[in-house]
Amino acid sequence: MRYAIPVSNGILSPHFGHCEQFAFIDVDEVSKKIKQRQFEPAPAHEPGLLPRWLAEKGVHVVIAGGMGARARDLFRQNRIKVVYNALESDPEKAIHDYLKGVLKIGTSICDH
């Protein structure tokens, strides 16, 4: 399964649509181990682009900090699960915590 995490300055970005890059992390769902990781620069910010772009990259789940309701709806339309308001800043630890069911979620920091 492929996960995507928006990253800025090496940590989970607090605002999804303005991240520097995405960490793409492929996980073996049986062993719950990371098989592969890669980072790719985020495309220029354009409303509605990221859900389509990430779907084309084969992403199944996005773990993010702040994300607006419209973006969440567009991800649902692209059959990508969204976990937002994640508090863990380390991308790989966020994946491990999510897989264990212990990822901490905070309150919304996105005001749109």
C-alpha atoms as a PDB file:
ATOM      1  CA  MET A   1       0.000   0.000   0.000  1.00  0.00           C
ATOM      2  CA  ARG A   2       1.296   3.446  -0.853  1.00  0.00           C
ATOM      3  CA  TYR A   3       1.149   6.332   1.602  1.00  0.00           C
ATOM      4  CA  ALA A   4       1.904   9.994   0.907  1.00  0.00           C
ATOM      5  CA  ILE A   5       2.977  12.550   3.482  1.00  0.00           C
ATOM      6  CA  PRO A   6       3.404  16.257   2.678  1.00  0.00           C
ATOM      7  CA  VAL A   7       6.807  17.386   3.928  1.00  0.00           C
ATOM      8  CA  SER A   8       8.489  20.755   4.489  1.00  0.00           C
ATOM      9  CA  ASN A   9      11.946  21.149   6.028  1.00  0.00           C
ATOM     10  CA  GLY A  10      12.112  17.366   6.518  1.00  0.00           C
ATOM     11  CA  ILE A  11       9.001  17.096   8.694  1.00  0.00           C
ATOM     12  CA  LEU A  12       5.266  16.692   8.166  1.00  0.00           C
ATOM     13  CA  SER A  13       4.003  19.983   6.745  1.00  0.00           C
ATOM     14  CA  PRO A  14       1.464  21.829   8.897  1.00  0.00           C
ATOM     15  CA  HIS A  15      -0.388  23.007   5.763  1.00  0.00           C
ATOM     16  CA  PHE A  16      -0.998  20.319   3.162  1.00  0.00           C
ATOM     17  CA  GLY A  17      -1.314  22.510   0.050  1.00  0.00           C
ATOM     18  CA  HIS A  18       1.935  24.393   0.590  1.00  0.00           C
ATOM     19  CA  CYS A  19       4.432  21.601   1.270  1.00  0.00           C
ATOM     20  CA  GLU A  20       7.848  21.442  -0.388  1.00  0.00           C
ATOM     21  CA  GLN A  21       7.723  17.760  -1.266  1.00  0.00           C
ATOM     22  CA  PHE A  22       5.905  14.500  -0.716  1.00  0.00           C
ATOM     23  CA  ALA A  23       7.273  11.421   0.972  1.00  0.00           C
ATOM     24  CA  PHE A  24       5.946   8.361  -0.841  1.00  0.00           C
ATOM     25  CA  ILE A  25       6.198   5.369   1.447  1.00  0.00           C
ATOM     26  CA  ASP A  26       5.301   1.875   0.278  1.00  0.00           C
ATOM     27  CA  VAL A  27       4.342  -0.524   3.067  1.00  0.00           C
ATOM     28  CA  ASP A  28       3.894  -4.276   3.113  1.00  0.00           C
ATOM     29  CA  GLU A  29       0.492  -4.486   4.784  1.00  0.00           C
ATOM     30  CA  VAL A  30       1.084  -7.997   6.122  1.00  0.00           C
ATOM     31  CA  SER A  31       4.439  -7.393   7.817  1.00  0.00           C
ATOM     32  CA  LYS A  32       3.704  -3.669   8.357  1.00  0.00           C
ATOM     33  CA  LYS A  33       7.253  -2.874   7.238  1.00  0.00           C
ATOM     34  CA  ILE A  34       8.353  -0.109   4.931  1.00  0.00           C
ATOM     35  CA  LYS A  35       9.437  -1.562   1.594  1.00  0.00           C
ATOM     36  CA  GLN A  36      10.423   1.655  -0.158  1.00  0.00           C
ATOM     37  CA  ARG A  37      10.533   5.382   0.400  1.00  0.00           C
ATOM     38  CA  GLN A  38      11.101   8.232  -1.986  1.00  0.00           C
ATOM     39  CA  PHE A  39      10.705  11.981  -1.935  1.00  0.00           C
ATOM     40  CA  GLU A  40       9.378  13.998  -4.831  1.00  0.00           C
ATOM     41  CA  PRO A  41       8.968  17.771  -5.153  1.00  0.00           C
ATOM     42  CA  ALA A  42       5.372  18.934  -4.853  1.00  0.00           C
ATOM     43  CA  PRO A  43       3.837  20.395  -8.000  1.00  0.00           C
ATOM     44  CA  ALA A  44       2.966  24.087  -7.987  1.00  0.00           C
ATOM     45  CA  HIS A  45      -0.021  24.816  -5.762  1.00  0.00           C
ATOM     46  CA  GLU A  46      -3.235  24.758  -7.753  1.00  0.00           C
ATOM     47  CA  PRO A  47      -6.631  24.069  -6.167  1.00  0.00           C
ATOM     48  CA  GLY A  48      -7.760  20.513  -6.874  1.00  0.00           C
ATOM     49  CA  LEU A  49      -4.497  19.350  -8.475  1.00  0.00           C
ATOM     50  CA  LEU A  50      -2.950  17.352  -5.614  1.00  0.00           C
ATOM     51  CA  PRO A  51      -5.705  14.745  -5.189  1.00  0.00           C
ATOM     52  CA  ARG A  52      -5.519  13.840  -8.898  1.00  0.00           C
ATOM     53  CA  TRP A  53      -1.710  13.922  -8.933  1.00  0.00           C
ATOM     54  CA  LEU A  54      -1.433  11.671  -5.874  1.00  0.00           C
ATOM     55  CA  ALA A  55      -4.037   9.256  -7.288  1.00  0.00           C
ATOM     56  CA  GLU A  56      -1.936   9.006 -10.458  1.00  0.00           C
ATOM     57  CA  LYS A  57       1.063   8.157  -8.236  1.00  0.00           C
ATOM     58  CA  GLY A  58      -0.875   5.199  -6.809  1.00  0.00           C
ATOM     59  CA  VAL A  59      -1.424   6.653  -3.336  1.00  0.00           C
ATOM     60  CA  HIS A  60      -4.002   4.920  -1.114  1.00  0.00           C
ATOM     61  CA  VAL A  61      -3.651   6.964   2.098  1.00  0.00           C
ATOM     62  CA  VAL A  62      -2.517  10.527   2.815  1.00  0.00           C
ATOM     63  CA  ILE A  63      -1.371  11.425   6.317  1.00  0.00           C
ATOM     64  CA  ALA A  64      -1.340  15.193   6.725  1.00  0.00           C
ATOM     65  CA  GLY A  65      -1.322  18.086   9.136  1.00  0.00           C
ATOM     66  CA  GLY A  66      -3.874  20.775   8.288  1.00  0.00           C
ATOM     67  CA  MET A  67      -6.155  20.241   5.305  1.00  0.00           C
ATOM     68  CA  GLY A  68      -9.292  22.034   4.195  1.00  0.00           C
ATOM     69  CA  ALA A  69     -12.668  20.354   3.712  1.00  0.00           C
ATOM     70  CA  ARG A  70     -12.635  20.801  -0.077  1.00  0.00           C
ATOM     71  CA  ALA A  71      -9.318  18.961  -0.380  1.00  0.00           C
ATOM     72  CA  ARG A  72     -10.643  16.139   1.809  1.00  0.00           C
ATOM     73  CA  ASP A  73     -13.716  15.838  -0.427  1.00  0.00           C
ATOM     74  CA  LEU A  74     -11.555  15.714  -3.556  1.00  0.00           C
ATOM     75  CA  PHE A  75      -9.445  12.949  -2.030  1.00  0.00           C
ATOM     76  CA  ARG A  76     -12.591  10.931  -1.266  1.00  0.00           C
ATOM     77  CA  GLN A  77     -13.674  11.382  -4.887  1.00  0.00           C
ATOM     78  CA  ASN A  78     -10.274   9.969  -5.930  1.00  0.00           C
ATOM     79  CA  ARG A  79     -10.664   7.019  -3.501  1.00  0.00           C
ATOM     80  CA  ILE A  80      -7.780   8.126  -1.298  1.00  0.00           C
ATOM     81  CA  LYS A  81      -8.199   7.876   2.464  1.00  0.00           C
ATOM     82  CA  VAL A  82      -7.183  11.014   4.347  1.00  0.00           C
ATOM     83  CA  VAL A  83      -5.846  11.137   7.880  1.00  0.00           C
ATOM     84  CA  TYR A  84      -5.484  14.796   8.816  1.00  0.00           C
ATOM     85  CA  ASN A  85      -4.454  16.869  11.835  1.00  0.00           C
ATOM     86  CA  ALA A  86      -1.692  14.329  12.504  1.00  0.00           C
ATOM     87  CA  LEU A  87       0.614  15.488  15.294  1.00  0.00           C
ATOM     88  CA  GLU A  88       3.642  13.296  14.546  1.00  0.00           C
ATOM     89  CA  SER A  89       6.228  15.320  12.611  1.00  0.00           C
ATOM     90  CA  ASP A  90       8.459  12.438  11.467  1.00  0.00           C
ATOM     91  CA  PRO A  91       6.987  10.933   8.265  1.00  0.00           C
ATOM     92  CA  GLU A  92       8.112   7.347   8.889  1.00  0.00           C
ATOM     93  CA  LYS A  93       7.064   7.392  12.540  1.00  0.00           C
ATOM     94  CA  ALA A  94       3.664   8.741  11.454  1.00  0.00           C
ATOM     95  CA  ILE A  95       3.267   5.712   9.167  1.00  0.00           C
ATOM     96  CA  HIS A  96       4.323   3.269  11.896  1.00  0.00           C
ATOM     97  CA  ASP A  97       2.011   4.910  14.440  1.00  0.00           C
ATOM     98  CA  TYR A  98      -0.881   4.842  11.964  1.00  0.00           C
ATOM     99  CA  LEU A  99      -0.329   1.147  11.257  1.00  0.00           C
ATOM    100  CA  LYS A 100      -0.291   0.426  15.000  1.00  0.00           C
ATOM    101  CA  GLY A 101      -3.461   2.482  15.501  1.00  0.00           C
ATOM    102  CA  VAL A 102      -1.738   4.973  17.807  1.00  0.00           C
ATOM    103  CA  LEU A 103      -1.217   8.012  15.556  1.00  0.00           C
ATOM    104  CA  LYS A 104      -2.088  11.110  17.585  1.00  0.00           C
ATOM    105  CA  ILE A 105      -4.557  13.506  15.980  1.00  0.00           C
ATOM    106  CA  GLY A 106      -5.027  17.109  17.063  1.00  0.00           C
ATOM    107  CA  THR A 107      -7.512  19.850  16.290  1.00  0.00           C
ATOM    108  CA  SER A 108      -7.744  21.530  12.929  1.00  0.00           C
ATOM    109  CA  ILE A 109      -5.115  24.139  12.165  1.00  0.00           C
ATOM    110  CA  CYS A 110      -6.472  24.798   8.674  1.00  0.00           C
ATOM    111  CA  ASP A 111      -9.026  27.595   8.470  1.00  0.00           C
ATOM    112  CA  HIS A 112     -10.478  26.883   5.019  1.00  0.00           C
END
